[in-house]
Amino acid sequence: MSGTLVLEEKWPVLGRHVQAAGWLPVWTDLGRAPRTIDAYARGLAEYLEMCEREGVDPVTPSRAHVGVYVRELTERPSRRGANVVSLDSGSGLANATVTQRMVPVRLFYDHLMKEGLPESNPVGRGRFTPGRRGGGHQRGWCPG
C-alpha cells in the first residue's frame, strides 16, 4: 500500500481533495522523512476539514478563511485540561504549534500557485523589514 493511501485512511479528507492527494506524494518524492510527511498531512487535513465545515473551496480561499483556521487553533481546548494552570491560560495551541500547523497550509498554497490555481498565497509569511521599530519584523499569522 502506498504512503498516500495510508495517509488518506488516517485522514479521509485528503482523498476528497484532488489537489491535496497530488501534493503530498511530491514531498515523499523529494525525500522528506515519513514523520514530516505525516505532520504535513495532519496540518493540511485539519485545514481542509475546517474548509468543509465552513463551506469554503480550499482552492479559492481568502485570508479571512485562513484566519478562521488560525482562530480555531488558538482557541482549541488544551489537551492538558481546563484545570491546568499555565502561563498561556491552558487554552489554545501554543504559538509554535500553530506555526507548525500553518506550514503545510502555506506550502500547499505555494504548490497550487505553481499550478496556476490561486493568484496569491493567502497564508503568506512574516517578513523582516530593515529600519522598522521592534527589530523590523512584520508578524505572520501567529500571535506573540
C-alpha atoms as a PDB file:
ATOM      1  CA  MET A   1       0.000   0.000   0.000  1.00  0.00           C
ATOM      2  CA  SER A   2       1.419   3.410  -0.894  1.00  0.00           C
ATOM      3  CA  GLY A   3       2.140   6.071   1.702  1.00  0.00           C
ATOM      4  CA  THR A   4      -0.525   8.355   0.245  1.00  0.00           C
ATOM      5  CA  LEU A   5      -3.213   5.695   0.678  1.00  0.00           C
ATOM      6  CA  VAL A   6      -2.177   5.201   4.301  1.00  0.00           C
ATOM      7  CA  LEU A   7      -2.435   8.952   4.899  1.00  0.00           C
ATOM      8  CA  GLU A   8      -5.861   9.036   3.233  1.00  0.00           C
ATOM      9  CA  GLU A   9      -7.005   6.210   5.506  1.00  0.00           C
ATOM     10  CA  LYS A  10      -5.799   8.162   8.529  1.00  0.00           C
ATOM     11  CA  TRP A  11      -7.288  11.461   7.254  1.00  0.00           C
ATOM     12  CA  PRO A  12     -10.045  10.703   4.709  1.00  0.00           C
ATOM     13  CA  VAL A  13     -10.457  14.412   3.930  1.00  0.00           C
ATOM     14  CA  LEU A  14      -7.186  14.258   1.971  1.00  0.00           C
ATOM     15  CA  GLY A  15      -8.752  11.826  -0.510  1.00  0.00           C
ATOM     16  CA  ARG A  16     -11.712  14.148  -1.061  1.00  0.00           C
ATOM     17  CA  HIS A  17      -9.465  16.920  -2.375  1.00  0.00           C
ATOM     18  CA  VAL A  18      -7.617  16.046  -5.574  1.00  0.00           C
ATOM     19  CA  GLN A  19      -5.047  18.809  -5.114  1.00  0.00           C
ATOM     20  CA  ALA A  20      -4.134  17.570  -1.624  1.00  0.00           C
ATOM     21  CA  ALA A  21      -3.845  13.973  -2.780  1.00  0.00           C
ATOM     22  CA  GLY A  22      -1.492  15.129  -5.541  1.00  0.00           C
ATOM     23  CA  TRP A  23       0.569  17.424  -3.334  1.00  0.00           C
ATOM     24  CA  LEU A  24       1.643  15.038  -0.565  1.00  0.00           C
ATOM     25  CA  PRO A  25       3.436  12.490  -2.808  1.00  0.00           C
ATOM     26  CA  VAL A  26       5.673  15.308  -4.067  1.00  0.00           C
ATOM     27  CA  TRP A  27       7.183  15.581  -0.585  1.00  0.00           C
ATOM     28  CA  THR A  28       7.768  11.825  -0.464  1.00  0.00           C
ATOM     29  CA  ASP A  29       9.469  12.001  -3.871  1.00  0.00           C
ATOM     30  CA  LEU A  30      11.664  14.828  -2.563  1.00  0.00           C
ATOM     31  CA  GLY A  31      12.887  12.514   0.193  1.00  0.00           C
ATOM     32  CA  ARG A  32      11.168  14.078   3.193  1.00  0.00           C
ATOM     33  CA  ALA A  33      11.094  11.910   6.296  1.00  0.00           C
ATOM     34  CA  PRO A  34       7.917   9.906   6.988  1.00  0.00           C
ATOM     35  CA  ARG A  35       7.271  11.907  10.192  1.00  0.00           C
ATOM     36  CA  THR A  36       7.476  15.155   8.206  1.00  0.00           C
ATOM     37  CA  ILE A  37       5.013  13.828   5.625  1.00  0.00           C
ATOM     38  CA  ASP A  38       2.730  12.737   8.458  1.00  0.00           C
ATOM     39  CA  ALA A  39       2.900  16.199  10.070  1.00  0.00           C
ATOM     40  CA  TYR A  40       2.177  17.874   6.715  1.00  0.00           C
ATOM     41  CA  ALA A  41      -0.767  15.529   6.154  1.00  0.00           C
ATOM     42  CA  ARG A  42      -2.178  16.222   9.611  1.00  0.00           C
ATOM     43  CA  GLY A  43      -1.895  20.002   9.276  1.00  0.00           C
ATOM     44  CA  LEU A  44      -3.409  20.044   5.803  1.00  0.00           C
ATOM     45  CA  ALA A  45      -6.167  17.613   6.803  1.00  0.00           C
ATOM     46  CA  GLU A  46      -7.194  19.802   9.745  1.00  0.00           C
ATOM     47  CA  TYR A  47      -7.288  22.849   7.465  1.00  0.00           C
ATOM     48  CA  LEU A  48      -9.327  21.032   4.784  1.00  0.00           C
ATOM     49  CA  GLU A  49     -11.781  19.827   7.446  1.00  0.00           C
ATOM     50  CA  MET A  50     -12.272  23.441   8.527  1.00  0.00           C
ATOM     51  CA  CYS A  51     -12.846  24.429   4.885  1.00  0.00           C
ATOM     52  CA  GLU A  52     -15.510  21.735   4.562  1.00  0.00           C
ATOM     53  CA  ARG A  53     -17.242  22.832   7.808  1.00  0.00           C
ATOM     54  CA  GLU A  54     -17.209  26.466   6.664  1.00  0.00           C
ATOM     55  CA  GLY A  55     -18.274  25.679   3.088  1.00  0.00           C
ATOM     56  CA  VAL A  56     -15.031  27.131   1.694  1.00  0.00           C
ATOM     57  CA  ASP A  57     -13.422  25.930  -1.527  1.00  0.00           C
ATOM     58  CA  PRO A  58      -9.800  25.444  -0.425  1.00  0.00           C
ATOM     59  CA  VAL A  59      -8.574  26.206  -3.956  1.00  0.00           C
ATOM     60  CA  THR A  60     -10.021  29.737  -3.864  1.00  0.00           C
ATOM     61  CA  PRO A  61      -9.545  30.889  -0.275  1.00  0.00           C
ATOM     62  CA  SER A  62      -9.279  34.311   1.230  1.00  0.00           C
ATOM     63  CA  ARG A  63      -7.070  35.472   4.076  1.00  0.00           C
ATOM     64  CA  ALA A  64     -10.249  35.586   6.161  1.00  0.00           C
ATOM     65  CA  HIS A  65     -10.741  31.823   5.715  1.00  0.00           C
ATOM     66  CA  VAL A  66      -7.180  31.166   6.813  1.00  0.00           C
ATOM     67  CA  GLY A  67      -7.844  33.465   9.768  1.00  0.00           C
ATOM     68  CA  VAL A  68     -10.784  31.279  10.811  1.00  0.00           C
ATOM     69  CA  TYR A  69      -8.423  28.300  10.906  1.00  0.00           C
ATOM     70  CA  VAL A  70      -5.844  30.187  12.971  1.00  0.00           C
ATOM     71  CA  ARG A  71      -8.566  31.272  15.392  1.00  0.00           C
ATOM     72  CA  GLU A  72      -9.718  27.650  15.735  1.00  0.00           C
ATOM     73  CA  LEU A  73      -6.168  26.595  16.539  1.00  0.00           C
ATOM     74  CA  THR A  74      -5.618  29.356  19.084  1.00  0.00           C
ATOM     75  CA  GLU A  75      -8.944  28.671  20.811  1.00  0.00           C
ATOM     76  CA  ARG A  76      -8.740  24.870  20.788  1.00  0.00           C
ATOM     77  CA  PRO A  77      -9.017  23.473  24.335  1.00  0.00           C
ATOM     78  CA  SER A  78      -5.748  22.329  25.796  1.00  0.00           C
ATOM     79  CA  ARG A  79      -5.109  18.584  25.899  1.00  0.00           C
ATOM     80  CA  ARG A  80      -3.730  19.197  29.379  1.00  0.00           C
ATOM     81  CA  GLY A  81      -7.235  20.007  30.593  1.00  0.00           C
ATOM     82  CA  ALA A  82      -9.031  23.142  31.703  1.00  0.00           C
ATOM     83  CA  ASN A  83      -7.895  22.777  35.323  1.00  0.00           C
ATOM     84  CA  VAL A  84      -4.200  23.034  34.493  1.00  0.00           C
ATOM     85  CA  VAL A  85      -2.864  26.467  35.368  1.00  0.00           C
ATOM     86  CA  SER A  86      -0.175  27.668  32.994  1.00  0.00           C
ATOM     87  CA  LEU A  87       1.282  30.887  31.707  1.00  0.00           C
ATOM     88  CA  ASP A  88      -0.705  30.637  28.476  1.00  0.00           C
ATOM     89  CA  SER A  89      -4.037  30.137  30.323  1.00  0.00           C
ATOM     90  CA  GLY A  90      -4.313  26.479  29.295  1.00  0.00           C
ATOM     91  CA  SER A  91      -6.420  27.164  26.220  1.00  0.00           C
ATOM     92  CA  GLY A  92      -5.469  27.034  22.600  1.00  0.00           C
ATOM     93  CA  LEU A  93      -2.419  25.547  20.987  1.00  0.00           C
ATOM     94  CA  ALA A  94       0.954  27.087  21.684  1.00  0.00           C
ATOM     95  CA  ASN A  95       2.187  29.635  19.130  1.00  0.00           C
ATOM     96  CA  ALA A  96       4.910  27.231  17.991  1.00  0.00           C
ATOM     97  CA  THR A  97       2.289  24.543  17.341  1.00  0.00           C
ATOM     98  CA  VAL A  98       0.053  26.974  15.452  1.00  0.00           C
ATOM     99  CA  THR A  99       3.039  27.939  13.322  1.00  0.00           C
ATOM    100  CA  GLN A 100       3.808  24.267  12.737  1.00  0.00           C
ATOM    101  CA  ARG A 101       0.212  23.612  11.615  1.00  0.00           C
ATOM    102  CA  MET A 102       0.335  26.575   9.228  1.00  0.00           C
ATOM    103  CA  VAL A 103       3.485  25.398   7.423  1.00  0.00           C
ATOM    104  CA  PRO A 104       1.771  22.680   5.350  1.00  0.00           C
ATOM    105  CA  VAL A 105      -1.103  25.036   4.530  1.00  0.00           C
ATOM    106  CA  ARG A 106       1.349  27.663   3.261  1.00  0.00           C
ATOM    107  CA  LEU A 107       3.327  25.041   1.313  1.00  0.00           C
ATOM    108  CA  PHE A 108       0.099  23.652  -0.157  1.00  0.00           C
ATOM    109  CA  TYR A 109      -0.852  27.109  -1.471  1.00  0.00           C
ATOM    110  CA  ASP A 110       2.687  27.631  -2.799  1.00  0.00           C
ATOM    111  CA  HIS A 111       2.182  24.411  -4.765  1.00  0.00           C
ATOM    112  CA  LEU A 112      -1.265  25.467  -6.008  1.00  0.00           C
ATOM    113  CA  MET A 113       0.135  28.806  -7.170  1.00  0.00           C
ATOM    114  CA  LYS A 114       2.740  26.953  -9.228  1.00  0.00           C
ATOM    115  CA  GLU A 115      -0.152  25.006 -10.750  1.00  0.00           C
ATOM    116  CA  GLY A 116      -1.851  28.320 -11.606  1.00  0.00           C
ATOM    117  CA  LEU A 117      -4.839  27.961  -9.254  1.00  0.00           C
ATOM    118  CA  PRO A 118      -4.937  30.816  -6.709  1.00  0.00           C
ATOM    119  CA  GLU A 119      -3.317  34.090  -7.740  1.00  0.00           C
ATOM    120  CA  SER A 120      -1.711  34.585  -4.341  1.00  0.00           C
ATOM    121  CA  ASN A 121      -0.942  32.601  -1.230  1.00  0.00           C
ATOM    122  CA  PRO A 122      -3.478  33.541   1.476  1.00  0.00           C
ATOM    123  CA  VAL A 123      -1.118  32.384   4.219  1.00  0.00           C
ATOM    124  CA  GLY A 124       1.920  34.461   3.342  1.00  0.00           C
ATOM    125  CA  ARG A 125       4.866  34.818   5.678  1.00  0.00           C
ATOM    126  CA  GLY A 126       6.091  37.237   8.283  1.00  0.00           C
ATOM    127  CA  ARG A 127       8.777  39.432   6.748  1.00  0.00           C
ATOM    128  CA  PHE A 128      11.785  41.310   8.068  1.00  0.00           C
ATOM    129  CA  THR A 129      11.805  44.981   7.100  1.00  0.00           C
ATOM    130  CA  PRO A 130      15.080  46.764   7.975  1.00  0.00           C
ATOM    131  CA  GLY A 131      14.748  50.007   9.884  1.00  0.00           C
ATOM    132  CA  ARG A 132      11.368  49.308  11.467  1.00  0.00           C
ATOM    133  CA  ARG A 133      10.975  49.636  15.209  1.00  0.00           C
ATOM    134  CA  GLY A 134      10.993  46.451  17.260  1.00  0.00           C
ATOM    135  CA  GLY A 135      13.579  44.778  15.049  1.00  0.00           C
ATOM    136  CA  GLY A 136      11.672  45.359  11.839  1.00  0.00           C
ATOM    137  CA  HIS A 137       9.755  42.096  11.933  1.00  0.00           C
ATOM    138  CA  GLN A 138       6.300  42.114  10.409  1.00  0.00           C
ATOM    139  CA  ARG A 139       4.159  39.488  12.116  1.00  0.00           C
ATOM    140  CA  GLY A 140       2.906  36.425  10.340  1.00  0.00           C
ATOM    141  CA  TRP A 141      -0.300  34.658  11.369  1.00  0.00           C
ATOM    142  CA  CYS A 142       0.586  33.620  14.880  1.00  0.00           C
ATOM    143  CA  PRO A 143       0.253  35.865  17.909  1.00  0.00           C
ATOM    144  CA  GLY A 144       3.225  36.506  20.117  1.00  0.00           C
END
